[in-house]
N, C-alpha and C. Protein backbone atom coordinates (compact mmCIF):
# COMPACT_ATOMS: atom_id res chain seq x y z
N LYS A 1 22.43 -17.05 -30.00
CA LYS A 1 21.50 -16.85 -28.31
C LYS A 1 21.11 -15.34 -28.41
N ARG A 2 19.81 -15.14 -28.41
CA ARG A 2 19.43 -14.41 -28.38
C ARG A 2 19.28 -13.37 -26.88
N ILE A 3 19.42 -12.23 -26.82
CA ILE A 3 19.08 -11.66 -25.56
C ILE A 3 18.01 -10.34 -25.84
N GLY A 4 17.12 -10.04 -24.74
CA GLY A 4 16.02 -9.53 -24.77
C GLY A 4 15.01 -9.88 -24.03
N VAL A 5 13.85 -9.39 -24.32
CA VAL A 5 12.38 -9.47 -23.48
C VAL A 5 11.63 -10.18 -23.94
N LYS A 6 10.94 -11.30 -24.21
CA LYS A 6 10.01 -11.64 -24.65
C LYS A 6 8.59 -11.07 -24.34
N ASP A 7 8.10 -10.73 -25.41
CA ASP A 7 6.44 -9.68 -25.44
C ASP A 7 7.10 -8.44 -24.79
N ALA A 8 8.09 -7.57 -25.33
CA ALA A 8 8.22 -6.38 -24.98
C ALA A 8 7.49 -5.63 -25.57
N PHE A 9 7.24 -4.12 -24.91
CA PHE A 9 6.68 -3.12 -25.91
C PHE A 9 7.19 -1.65 -25.43
N ILE A 10 6.46 -0.78 -26.33
CA ILE A 10 7.39 0.58 -26.23
C ILE A 10 6.15 1.44 -25.64
N THR A 11 6.29 2.23 -24.56
CA THR A 11 5.64 3.59 -24.38
C THR A 11 6.07 4.80 -24.41
N VAL A 12 5.58 5.42 -25.29
CA VAL A 12 6.12 6.80 -25.07
C VAL A 12 5.81 7.95 -24.45
N TYR A 13 6.40 8.86 -24.18
CA TYR A 13 6.08 9.62 -23.32
C TYR A 13 6.80 11.21 -23.64
N ASN A 14 5.96 12.04 -23.42
CA ASN A 14 6.38 13.53 -23.17
C ASN A 14 5.90 14.11 -22.20
N ASP A 15 6.99 15.02 -21.52
CA ASP A 15 6.88 15.63 -20.63
C ASP A 15 6.09 14.92 -19.46
N GLY A 16 6.33 13.57 -19.35
CA GLY A 16 5.45 12.98 -18.18
C GLY A 16 4.28 12.70 -18.71
N GLU A 17 3.68 12.64 -19.81
CA GLU A 17 2.46 12.23 -20.46
C GLU A 17 2.65 11.10 -21.71
N ARG A 18 2.11 10.37 -21.40
CA ARG A 18 2.09 9.05 -22.40
C ARG A 18 1.27 9.58 -23.92
N ILE A 19 1.90 9.28 -24.59
CA ILE A 19 1.59 10.03 -26.00
C ILE A 19 1.67 8.74 -27.34
N THR A 20 0.72 8.78 -28.07
CA THR A 20 1.04 7.87 -29.27
C THR A 20 2.26 7.81 -29.92
N PHE A 21 2.14 6.82 -30.68
CA PHE A 21 3.83 7.01 -31.79
C PHE A 21 3.44 7.57 -33.18
N ALA A 22 2.49 8.17 -33.03
CA ALA A 22 1.95 9.34 -34.32
C ALA A 22 2.36 10.49 -33.85
N GLU A 23 1.93 10.85 -32.15
CA GLU A 23 2.25 12.03 -32.07
C GLU A 23 3.83 12.30 -31.77
N ALA A 24 4.80 11.00 -31.42
CA ALA A 24 5.76 10.81 -31.01
C ALA A 24 6.24 11.45 -32.77
N ARG A 25 6.22 10.75 -33.43
CA ARG A 25 6.79 10.92 -35.04
C ARG A 25 6.37 12.52 -35.31
N SER A 26 5.15 12.90 -35.05
CA SER A 26 5.61 14.37 -35.64
C SER A 26 6.27 15.28 -34.71
N LEU A 27 6.15 15.11 -33.42
CA LEU A 27 7.24 15.60 -32.54
C LEU A 27 8.86 15.71 -33.12
N ILE A 28 9.03 14.62 -33.57
CA ILE A 28 10.29 14.52 -34.07
C ILE A 28 10.72 14.97 -35.33
N GLU A 29 9.37 15.01 -35.94
CA GLU A 29 9.69 15.60 -37.37
C GLU A 29 9.99 17.36 -37.34
N LYS A 30 8.99 18.05 -36.17
CA LYS A 30 8.66 19.00 -35.88
C LYS A 30 9.78 19.82 -35.23
N LEU A 31 10.89 18.92 -34.58
CA LEU A 31 11.75 19.31 -33.19
C LEU A 31 12.81 19.04 -33.77
N GLY A 32 13.13 17.38 -34.51
CA GLY A 32 14.32 17.28 -34.92
C GLY A 32 15.03 16.53 -33.54
N GLU A 33 16.08 16.39 -33.31
CA GLU A 33 16.89 16.33 -32.20
C GLU A 33 16.62 16.56 -31.08
N ARG A 34 16.10 18.14 -31.10
CA ARG A 34 15.50 18.91 -29.99
C ARG A 34 14.19 17.95 -29.47
N ALA A 35 13.63 17.40 -29.67
CA ALA A 35 12.24 16.50 -29.22
C ALA A 35 13.13 15.88 -28.07
N PHE A 36 14.11 15.05 -28.08
CA PHE A 36 14.42 14.32 -26.78
C PHE A 36 15.46 15.18 -25.82
N SER A 37 15.40 16.55 -26.20
CA SER A 37 16.12 17.55 -24.74
C SER A 37 14.95 18.31 -24.60
N GLU A 38 13.83 18.14 -25.07
CA GLU A 38 13.18 19.35 -24.25
C GLU A 38 12.88 19.01 -22.85
N GLY A 39 12.97 19.92 -21.83
CA GLY A 39 12.45 20.15 -20.49
C GLY A 39 13.98 19.92 -19.74
N ARG A 40 14.87 19.72 -20.29
CA ARG A 40 16.30 19.50 -19.39
C ARG A 40 16.54 21.01 -18.85
N THR A 41 17.38 20.50 -17.58
CA THR A 41 17.38 22.15 -16.92
C THR A 41 19.21 21.74 -16.87
N ASP A 42 19.91 22.94 -16.67
CA ASP A 42 21.13 23.19 -16.69
C ASP A 42 21.96 22.14 -15.94
N ASP A 43 21.24 21.75 -14.36
CA ASP A 43 22.03 20.75 -13.83
C ASP A 43 21.94 19.44 -14.42
N GLU A 44 21.26 19.28 -15.49
CA GLU A 44 21.39 17.93 -15.96
C GLU A 44 22.37 17.77 -17.13
N SER A 45 22.98 19.03 -17.31
CA SER A 45 24.13 18.83 -18.38
C SER A 45 24.95 17.85 -18.11
N ASP A 46 25.16 17.04 -19.03
CA ASP A 46 26.68 15.95 -19.32
C ASP A 46 27.95 16.51 -18.91
N GLU A 47 28.75 16.41 -17.54
CA GLU A 47 29.70 16.90 -17.14
C GLU A 47 30.89 15.76 -17.89
N THR A 48 30.73 14.71 -18.72
CA THR A 48 31.74 14.14 -19.30
C THR A 48 32.26 14.95 -20.75
N THR A 49 31.38 16.00 -20.85
CA THR A 49 32.23 16.45 -22.23
C THR A 49 32.85 17.70 -22.02
N GLU A 50 32.76 18.50 -20.67
CA GLU A 50 33.27 19.70 -20.12
C GLU A 50 34.85 19.79 -20.67
N PRO A 51 35.45 20.63 -21.24
CA PRO A 51 36.65 20.78 -21.79
C PRO A 51 37.51 20.70 -20.52
N GLY A 52 38.29 20.09 -20.38
CA GLY A 52 39.32 20.32 -19.52
C GLY A 52 39.21 19.45 -18.14
N ALA A 53 38.17 19.24 -18.08
CA ALA A 53 37.50 18.52 -17.08
C ALA A 53 37.89 17.41 -16.49
N GLY A 54 38.46 16.63 -15.42
CA GLY A 54 38.92 15.56 -15.02
C GLY A 54 40.37 14.88 -15.42
N VAL A 55 40.69 13.77 -15.57
CA VAL A 55 41.96 13.08 -15.94
C VAL A 55 41.62 12.44 -16.87
N GLU A 56 42.72 12.19 -17.69
CA GLU A 56 42.51 11.16 -18.88
C GLU A 56 42.40 9.81 -18.37
N GLY A 57 41.45 9.26 -18.54
CA GLY A 57 41.76 7.55 -18.48
C GLY A 57 40.84 7.68 -16.90
N LEU A 58 40.57 8.74 -16.31
CA LEU A 58 39.97 8.24 -15.11
C LEU A 58 38.54 8.72 -15.15
N GLU A 59 37.60 7.74 -14.75
CA GLU A 59 35.99 8.07 -14.67
C GLU A 59 35.74 6.97 -13.65
N TYR A 60 33.98 8.14 -13.51
CA TYR A 60 33.47 7.52 -12.07
C TYR A 60 32.22 6.94 -12.87
N ILE A 61 31.87 5.99 -12.17
CA ILE A 61 30.36 5.10 -13.10
C ILE A 61 29.55 4.93 -11.55
N ILE A 62 28.13 5.40 -11.76
CA ILE A 62 27.41 5.02 -10.67
C ILE A 62 26.26 3.68 -10.86
N ASP A 63 26.63 2.75 -10.23
CA ASP A 63 26.23 1.47 -10.07
C ASP A 63 24.49 1.92 -9.61
N ILE A 64 23.15 1.39 -10.42
CA ILE A 64 22.07 1.82 -10.02
C ILE A 64 21.61 0.14 -9.27
N GLY A 65 21.55 -0.80 -10.11
CA GLY A 65 21.46 -2.16 -9.72
C GLY A 65 21.65 -2.84 -11.01
N THR A 66 21.45 -4.16 -10.70
CA THR A 66 21.30 -5.57 -11.43
C THR A 66 20.24 -6.13 -11.20
N PHE A 67 19.18 -6.43 -12.46
CA PHE A 67 18.10 -6.95 -11.76
C PHE A 67 17.70 -8.07 -12.81
N ASP A 68 16.58 -9.23 -12.02
CA ASP A 68 16.58 -10.27 -12.83
C ASP A 68 15.22 -9.99 -13.56
N LYS A 69 14.96 -10.71 -14.52
CA LYS A 69 13.95 -10.48 -15.12
C LYS A 69 13.11 -9.29 -15.64
N SER A 70 13.04 -8.21 -14.48
CA SER A 70 12.48 -6.67 -15.00
C SER A 70 13.00 -6.03 -13.63
N VAL A 71 12.82 -4.68 -14.09
CA VAL A 71 13.23 -3.94 -13.08
C VAL A 71 11.79 -3.27 -12.14
N PRO A 72 11.86 -3.19 -10.68
CA PRO A 72 10.80 -3.42 -9.94
C PRO A 72 10.23 -1.89 -10.22
N SER A 73 8.89 -1.95 -10.24
CA SER A 73 8.15 -0.18 -10.67
C SER A 73 8.42 0.70 -9.80
N GLU A 74 8.62 0.64 -9.12
CA GLU A 74 9.27 1.68 -7.94
C GLU A 74 10.73 2.39 -8.72
N VAL A 75 11.68 1.49 -8.96
CA VAL A 75 12.91 1.95 -9.45
C VAL A 75 12.66 2.68 -11.26
N ALA A 76 11.57 1.83 -11.63
CA ALA A 76 11.22 2.18 -13.11
C ALA A 76 10.89 3.72 -13.06
N GLU A 77 9.91 3.95 -12.13
CA GLU A 77 9.21 5.01 -12.10
C GLU A 77 10.45 6.34 -11.70
N ALA A 78 11.22 5.92 -10.82
CA ALA A 78 12.04 6.91 -10.27
C ALA A 78 13.16 7.07 -11.41
N LEU A 79 13.40 6.09 -12.37
CA LEU A 79 14.36 6.25 -13.18
C LEU A 79 13.84 7.21 -14.41
N LEU A 80 12.37 7.19 -14.93
CA LEU A 80 11.56 7.75 -15.71
C LEU A 80 12.23 9.19 -16.21
N PRO A 81 12.66 10.22 -14.92
CA PRO A 81 12.81 11.79 -15.43
C PRO A 81 14.09 11.58 -16.08
N ASN A 82 15.20 10.59 -15.63
CA ASN A 82 16.40 10.67 -16.29
C ASN A 82 16.82 9.54 -16.98
N SER A 83 15.93 8.94 -18.02
CA SER A 83 16.08 7.76 -18.58
C SER A 83 17.42 8.40 -19.53
N SER A 84 17.81 9.66 -19.82
CA SER A 84 18.94 9.66 -21.07
C SER A 84 20.06 9.78 -20.45
N MET A 85 20.12 9.36 -19.00
CA MET A 85 21.47 9.61 -18.40
C MET A 85 21.90 7.92 -17.95
N ILE A 86 20.25 7.17 -17.97
CA ILE A 86 20.77 5.57 -17.56
C ILE A 86 21.59 4.96 -18.79
N VAL A 87 22.42 3.64 -18.60
CA VAL A 87 23.17 3.06 -19.20
C VAL A 87 22.24 1.97 -19.00
N ARG A 88 21.83 0.81 -20.07
CA ARG A 88 21.27 -0.23 -19.97
C ARG A 88 22.20 -1.47 -20.23
N GLU A 89 22.78 -2.74 -19.58
CA GLU A 89 23.47 -3.34 -20.40
C GLU A 89 22.89 -4.67 -19.74
N PHE A 90 22.91 -5.35 -20.88
CA PHE A 90 22.10 -6.97 -20.63
C PHE A 90 23.30 -7.71 -20.15
N ILE A 91 23.23 -8.13 -19.30
CA ILE A 91 24.50 -9.04 -18.88
C ILE A 91 23.98 -10.54 -19.27
N SER A 92 22.75 -10.95 -19.13
CA SER A 92 22.36 -12.31 -19.60
C SER A 92 20.87 -11.91 -20.42
N ALA A 93 20.53 -13.27 -20.75
CA ALA A 93 19.26 -13.05 -21.10
C ALA A 93 18.30 -12.86 -19.98
N THR A 94 18.22 -12.91 -19.04
CA THR A 94 17.70 -12.69 -17.97
C THR A 94 17.96 -11.03 -17.03
N LYS A 95 19.74 -11.22 -16.92
CA LYS A 95 19.87 -10.12 -16.28
C LYS A 95 20.02 -8.74 -17.13
N LEU A 96 19.62 -7.60 -16.04
CA LEU A 96 20.04 -6.16 -16.85
C LEU A 96 20.67 -5.54 -15.48
N LYS A 97 21.47 -4.97 -15.99
CA LYS A 97 22.50 -3.90 -15.55
C LYS A 97 22.14 -2.34 -15.91
N LEU A 98 22.01 -1.69 -14.20
CA LEU A 98 21.65 -0.32 -15.07
C LEU A 98 22.86 0.62 -14.41
N THR A 99 23.22 1.58 -15.21
CA THR A 99 24.77 2.30 -14.57
C THR A 99 24.30 3.76 -15.12
N SER A 100 25.12 4.91 -14.43
CA SER A 100 25.10 6.06 -15.18
C SER A 100 26.49 6.54 -15.20
N GLY A 101 26.57 7.21 -16.44
CA GLY A 101 28.02 7.39 -16.40
C GLY A 101 28.58 6.96 -17.73
N PRO A 102 29.72 7.14 -17.73
CA PRO A 102 30.90 7.78 -16.92
C PRO A 102 30.97 9.16 -16.99
N LEU A 103 31.31 9.51 -15.79
CA LEU A 103 31.63 10.99 -15.75
C LEU A 103 32.75 11.16 -15.21
N LYS A 104 33.48 12.22 -15.76
CA LYS A 104 34.99 12.63 -15.44
C LYS A 104 35.51 13.23 -14.49
N THR A 105 34.54 13.65 -13.13
CA THR A 105 35.20 14.21 -11.86
C THR A 105 34.21 13.71 -10.73
N LYS A 106 34.61 13.87 -9.14
CA LYS A 106 33.85 12.86 -8.33
C LYS A 106 32.93 13.93 -8.18
N SER A 107 33.18 15.32 -8.43
CA SER A 107 32.20 16.43 -7.97
C SER A 107 31.01 16.01 -8.27
N ALA A 108 31.25 15.67 -10.07
CA ALA A 108 29.92 15.83 -11.34
C ALA A 108 29.52 14.12 -10.55
N SER A 109 30.27 12.91 -10.20
CA SER A 109 29.34 11.79 -9.93
C SER A 109 28.85 12.01 -8.40
N ASP A 110 29.23 12.69 -7.26
CA ASP A 110 28.22 13.06 -6.49
C ASP A 110 26.59 13.59 -6.93
N SER A 111 27.16 14.74 -7.55
CA SER A 111 25.96 15.62 -8.12
C SER A 111 25.04 14.50 -8.60
N ARG A 112 25.22 13.80 -9.75
CA ARG A 112 24.60 12.73 -10.35
C ARG A 112 23.74 11.75 -9.16
N LYS A 113 24.61 11.52 -8.48
CA LYS A 113 23.89 10.60 -7.44
C LYS A 113 22.71 11.01 -6.67
N GLN A 114 22.88 12.50 -6.31
CA GLN A 114 22.51 13.14 -5.43
C GLN A 114 21.11 13.10 -6.15
N GLN A 115 21.12 13.27 -7.53
CA GLN A 115 20.33 13.84 -8.74
C GLN A 115 19.07 12.50 -8.39
N LEU A 116 19.82 11.21 -8.64
CA LEU A 116 18.88 9.99 -8.79
C LEU A 116 18.13 9.81 -7.21
N ASP A 117 19.25 9.94 -6.00
CA ASP A 117 18.61 9.72 -5.09
C ASP A 117 17.30 10.65 -4.58
N LYS A 118 17.39 12.19 -5.19
CA LYS A 118 16.32 12.85 -4.80
C LYS A 118 15.04 12.13 -5.76
N GLU A 119 15.30 11.78 -6.60
CA GLU A 119 14.28 11.16 -7.55
C GLU A 119 13.74 9.88 -6.68
N GLY A 120 14.45 9.29 -6.05
CA GLY A 120 13.90 8.15 -5.33
C GLY A 120 14.85 6.86 -6.12
N VAL A 121 15.75 7.00 -6.47
CA VAL A 121 16.87 5.54 -6.95
C VAL A 121 17.88 5.51 -5.35
N ILE A 122 17.59 4.94 -4.11
CA ILE A 122 18.58 5.58 -3.02
C ILE A 122 19.80 4.41 -2.89
N SER A 123 19.41 3.36 -3.78
CA SER A 123 20.50 2.65 -3.45
C SER A 123 21.43 2.23 -4.51
N THR A 124 22.09 3.63 -4.95
CA THR A 124 23.11 3.74 -5.97
C THR A 124 24.56 3.72 -5.30
N SER A 125 25.60 3.30 -5.65
CA SER A 125 26.67 3.58 -5.31
C SER A 125 27.55 4.04 -6.75
N ILE A 126 28.86 4.71 -6.18
CA ILE A 126 29.85 5.15 -7.22
C ILE A 126 31.15 4.53 -7.31
N ARG A 127 31.54 3.98 -8.47
CA ARG A 127 33.01 3.24 -8.56
C ARG A 127 33.76 4.31 -9.39
N ALA A 128 34.87 4.37 -9.22
CA ALA A 128 35.80 4.71 -10.05
C ALA A 128 36.78 3.80 -10.72
N MET A 129 36.93 4.28 -11.97
CA MET A 129 37.88 3.30 -13.04
C MET A 129 39.23 4.21 -13.19
N PHE A 130 40.20 3.62 -13.68
CA PHE A 130 41.61 4.09 -14.10
C PHE A 130 42.32 3.60 -15.21
N ASN A 131 42.34 4.26 -16.42
CA ASN A 131 42.73 2.93 -17.45
C ASN A 131 42.10 1.75 -17.41
N GLY A 132 40.69 1.78 -17.28
CA GLY A 132 40.24 0.45 -17.63
C GLY A 132 39.76 -0.55 -16.34
N LYS A 133 40.78 -0.02 -15.21
CA LYS A 133 40.91 -0.90 -14.03
C LYS A 133 39.87 -0.16 -12.77
N GLU A 134 39.13 -1.01 -11.98
CA GLU A 134 38.39 -0.54 -10.98
C GLU A 134 39.27 -0.36 -10.16
N ILE A 135 39.60 1.04 -9.20
CA ILE A 135 40.24 1.55 -8.05
C ILE A 135 39.40 2.21 -6.98
N SER A 136 39.72 2.03 -5.98
CA SER A 136 38.80 2.71 -5.06
C SER A 136 38.76 4.34 -5.06
N LEU A 137 37.64 4.81 -4.62
CA LEU A 137 37.57 6.34 -4.61
C LEU A 137 38.61 7.05 -4.18
N GLU A 138 38.82 6.54 -2.99
CA GLU A 138 40.01 7.34 -2.37
C GLU A 138 41.11 7.54 -3.63
N GLU A 139 41.76 6.60 -4.01
CA GLU A 139 42.77 6.72 -5.19
C GLU A 139 42.31 7.15 -5.77
N ALA A 140 41.12 7.37 -6.67
CA ALA A 140 40.60 7.92 -7.41
C ALA A 140 40.94 9.59 -7.65
N VAL A 141 39.96 10.03 -6.23
CA VAL A 141 40.61 11.48 -5.71
C VAL A 141 41.75 12.17 -5.64
N GLN A 142 42.77 11.05 -5.10
CA GLN A 142 44.00 11.32 -5.04
C GLN A 142 44.65 11.44 -6.79
N ILE A 143 44.33 10.93 -7.64
CA ILE A 143 44.61 10.94 -8.82
C ILE A 143 44.21 12.07 -9.30
N GLU A 144 42.90 12.75 -9.32
CA GLU A 144 42.05 13.74 -9.68
C GLU A 144 43.13 15.19 -8.94
N GLN A 145 43.21 15.16 -7.84
CA GLN A 145 44.19 15.76 -7.01
C GLN A 145 45.09 16.34 -7.55
N GLN A 146 46.16 15.69 -8.31
CA GLN A 146 47.54 15.32 -9.03
C GLN A 146 47.77 16.65 -9.83
């Protein structure tokens, strides 16, 4: 069973401007991995790798939405500046689930949610997982404070 989108295409952007594949290839050859991180600010750093942050087994995930067939254009446009933070999971051939994370602290997940809200993705929610099981946010905060 194949999962994917029939007649999909790829568009390349650099600093909000559409560029050709040749231009993208040239940037990658010139900058290496830095080509994928240009323009990132300090508040976009991934707090999941902070040494000592969080509790082992505890993580927060921001649910953006589950979409049939395609992501609405207003949501896609709002996600563009944050595409490196978005996890895409095909639930079936026609359903796509978008999340962000995992993040190690409630504070980090609140910041990420606020950042997505600021970009126009306003229907996000945070859920907590502990050792692979979903728990309430209240329980997660209690575990984090121990």
